[in-house]
Structures are given as structure tokens and as C-alpha cells.
């Protein structure tokens, strides 16, 4: 071998991969149980549905407020008030 050549090292990992997969297959149920317990412990008595409902409700309220404060709803209210005032003023003449 010349000084400029490096030795080729070949590592076979298929056997190791097979051994690891085989070992994990036997523990899938146990791993799933640990994951479920961890999730239950982390969430505790948190009601995900209630949180989602509350968030959706807040989002909807903000959207409605923006619609009537700054959007087309504000224009409709302004026009409706103006029409009402104009009709009352015409009735006084």
C-alpha cells in the first residue's frame, strides 16, 4: 500500500439494524403505553375541546368586532344611521 492510499473500511450494519428492529418489535406495546402515560400526565385534566372552543369563540368575536369597527359593517351602520337621520329631518320640514 502506498502512503497516498487509505485503507477501505467496510461496516456491515444490516445485522445490527435487524437486531434493533427485532428488539423494538417486542416492546411496541410497552413503548405505546409509556407515550400514552406521558401525554396523559402532561395534559392532566386539560379539556382540549373546551380550549379549542374558547379560542374559536374569541377569534370569531374579534373578527366580528373588526368587521363592524373598521370593515364593511362600519360603513353599513354609518349609512343606516345617516338614512335614519335624513328621514327624520325630512319629516320635520
C-alpha atoms as a PDB file:
ATOM      1  CA  UNK A   1       0.000   0.000   0.000  1.00  0.00           C
ATOM      2  CA  UNK A   2       1.379   3.393  -0.927  1.00  0.00           C
ATOM      3  CA  UNK A   3       1.414   6.315   1.535  1.00  0.00           C
ATOM      4  CA  UNK A   4      -1.230   8.146  -0.522  1.00  0.00           C
ATOM      5  CA  UNK A   5      -3.704   5.279  -0.360  1.00  0.00           C
ATOM      6  CA  UNK A   6      -6.091   4.986   2.530  1.00  0.00           C
ATOM      7  CA  UNK A   7      -7.394   1.640   3.626  1.00  0.00           C
ATOM      8  CA  UNK A   8     -11.030   0.940   2.854  1.00  0.00           C
ATOM      9  CA  UNK A   9     -13.085   0.062   5.874  1.00  0.00           C
ATOM     10  CA  UNK A  10     -16.456  -1.507   5.276  1.00  0.00           C
ATOM     11  CA  UNK A  11     -19.001  -1.726   8.047  1.00  0.00           C
ATOM     12  CA  UNK A  12     -21.975  -4.025   7.732  1.00  0.00           C
ATOM     13  CA  UNK A  13     -24.932  -2.670   9.694  1.00  0.00           C
ATOM     14  CA  UNK A  14     -27.736  -4.796   8.278  1.00  0.00           C
ATOM     15  CA  UNK A  15     -27.341  -7.357  11.033  1.00  0.00           C
ATOM     16  CA  UNK A  16     -27.362  -4.617  13.670  1.00  0.00           C
ATOM     17  CA  UNK A  17     -30.387  -2.972  12.062  1.00  0.00           C
ATOM     18  CA  UNK A  18     -32.269  -6.270  12.075  1.00  0.00           C
ATOM     19  CA  UNK A  19     -31.366  -6.907  15.719  1.00  0.00           C
ATOM     20  CA  UNK A  20     -32.560  -3.431  16.788  1.00  0.00           C
ATOM     21  CA  UNK A  21     -35.838  -3.717  14.859  1.00  0.00           C
ATOM     22  CA  UNK A  22     -36.472  -7.158  16.286  1.00  0.00           C
ATOM     23  CA  UNK A  23     -35.819  -5.885  19.830  1.00  0.00           C
ATOM     24  CA  UNK A  24     -38.144  -2.899  19.349  1.00  0.00           C
ATOM     25  CA  UNK A  25     -40.951  -5.043  17.937  1.00  0.00           C
ATOM     26  CA  UNK A  26     -41.162  -6.872  21.218  1.00  0.00           C
ATOM     27  CA  UNK A  27     -41.539  -3.598  23.125  1.00  0.00           C
ATOM     28  CA  UNK A  28     -44.022  -1.689  20.933  1.00  0.00           C
ATOM     29  CA  UNK A  29     -46.918  -2.096  23.353  1.00  0.00           C
ATOM     30  CA  UNK A  30     -44.749  -1.025  26.271  1.00  0.00           C
ATOM     31  CA  UNK A  31     -43.445   1.997  24.359  1.00  0.00           C
ATOM     32  CA  UNK A  32     -47.005   2.971  23.364  1.00  0.00           C
ATOM     33  CA  UNK A  33     -48.118   2.684  26.981  1.00  0.00           C
ATOM     34  CA  UNK A  34     -45.266   4.954  28.123  1.00  0.00           C
ATOM     35  CA  UNK A  35     -46.123   7.501  25.440  1.00  0.00           C
ATOM     36  CA  UNK A  36     -49.812   7.487  26.371  1.00  0.00           C
ATOM     37  CA  UNK A  37     -48.997   7.831  30.071  1.00  0.00           C
ATOM     38  CA  UNK A  38     -46.659  10.718  29.295  1.00  0.00           C
ATOM     39  CA  UNK A  39     -49.308  12.502  27.259  1.00  0.00           C
ATOM     40  CA  UNK A  40     -51.946  11.927  29.938  1.00  0.00           C
ATOM     41  CA  UNK A  41     -49.585  13.218  32.618  1.00  0.00           C
ATOM     42  CA  UNK A  42     -48.597  16.271  30.576  1.00  0.00           C
ATOM     43  CA  UNK A  43     -52.171  17.199  29.773  1.00  0.00           C
ATOM     44  CA  UNK A  44     -53.650  16.220  33.115  1.00  0.00           C
ATOM     45  CA  UNK A  45     -57.219  17.373  33.286  1.00  0.00           C
ATOM     46  CA  UNK A  46     -56.879  19.789  30.357  1.00  0.00           C
ATOM     47  CA  UNK A  47     -60.026  19.788  28.252  1.00  0.00           C
ATOM     48  CA  UNK A  48     -58.721  20.194  24.700  1.00  0.00           C
ATOM     49  CA  UNK A  49     -62.220  20.564  23.243  1.00  0.00           C
ATOM     50  CA  UNK A  50     -63.071  23.391  25.640  1.00  0.00           C
ATOM     51  CA  UNK A  51     -59.795  25.176  24.887  1.00  0.00           C
ATOM     52  CA  UNK A  52     -60.408  24.886  21.132  1.00  0.00           C
ATOM     53  CA  UNK A  53     -63.997  26.096  21.553  1.00  0.00           C
ATOM     54  CA  UNK A  54     -62.901  29.090  23.659  1.00  0.00           C
ATOM     55  CA  UNK A  55     -60.186  30.033  21.165  1.00  0.00           C
ATOM     56  CA  UNK A  56     -62.592  29.765  18.229  1.00  0.00           C
ATOM     57  CA  UNK A  57     -65.149  31.888  20.085  1.00  0.00           C
ATOM     58  CA  UNK A  58     -62.572  34.599  20.854  1.00  0.00           C
ATOM     59  CA  UNK A  59     -61.390  34.600  17.245  1.00  0.00           C
ATOM     60  CA  UNK A  60     -64.956  34.930  15.994  1.00  0.00           C
ATOM     61  CA  UNK A  61     -65.697  37.792  18.398  1.00  0.00           C
ATOM     62  CA  UNK A  62     -62.558  39.656  17.282  1.00  0.00           C
ATOM     63  CA  UNK A  63     -63.451  39.163  13.622  1.00  0.00           C
ATOM     64  CA  UNK A  64     -66.988  40.456  14.149  1.00  0.00           C
ATOM     65  CA  UNK A  65     -65.691  43.461  16.087  1.00  0.00           C
ATOM     66  CA  UNK A  66     -63.195  44.320  13.314  1.00  0.00           C
ATOM     67  CA  UNK A  67     -65.954  43.930  10.713  1.00  0.00           C
ATOM     68  CA  UNK A  68     -68.194  46.424  12.463  1.00  0.00           C
ATOM     69  CA  UNK A  69     -65.437  48.758  13.678  1.00  0.00           C
ATOM     70  CA  UNK A  70     -63.336  49.038  10.518  1.00  0.00           C
ATOM     71  CA  UNK A  71     -64.835  46.923   7.721  1.00  0.00           C
ATOM     72  CA  UNK A  72     -67.962  46.923   5.577  1.00  0.00           C
ATOM     73  CA  UNK A  73     -70.128  46.588   8.673  1.00  0.00           C
ATOM     74  CA  UNK A  74     -68.989  50.013   9.871  1.00  0.00           C
ATOM     75  CA  UNK A  75     -69.978  51.525   6.530  1.00  0.00           C
ATOM     76  CA  UNK A  76     -73.391  49.825   6.628  1.00  0.00           C
ATOM     77  CA  UNK A  77     -74.053  51.149  10.135  1.00  0.00           C
ATOM     78  CA  UNK A  78     -72.903  54.644   9.170  1.00  0.00           C
ATOM     79  CA  UNK A  79     -75.163  54.613   6.090  1.00  0.00           C
ATOM     80  CA  UNK A  80     -78.105  53.260   8.077  1.00  0.00           C
ATOM     81  CA  UNK A  81     -77.736  55.950  10.746  1.00  0.00           C
ATOM     82  CA  UNK A  82     -77.417  58.637   8.080  1.00  0.00           C
ATOM     83  CA  UNK A  83     -80.567  57.407   6.306  1.00  0.00           C
ATOM     84  CA  UNK A  84     -82.462  57.377   9.600  1.00  0.00           C
ATOM     85  CA  UNK A  85     -81.347  60.912  10.461  1.00  0.00           C
ATOM     86  CA  UNK A  86     -82.154  62.142   6.931  1.00  0.00           C
ATOM     87  CA  UNK A  87     -85.650  60.608   7.081  1.00  0.00           C
ATOM     88  CA  UNK A  88     -86.319  62.220  10.482  1.00  0.00           C
ATOM     89  CA  UNK A  89     -85.094  65.603   9.294  1.00  0.00           C
ATOM     90  CA  UNK A  90     -87.333  65.397   6.209  1.00  0.00           C
ATOM     91  CA  UNK A  91     -90.280  64.553   8.456  1.00  0.00           C
ATOM     92  CA  UNK A  92     -89.770  67.751  10.462  1.00  0.00           C
ATOM     93  CA  UNK A  93     -89.957  70.035   7.437  1.00  0.00           C
END
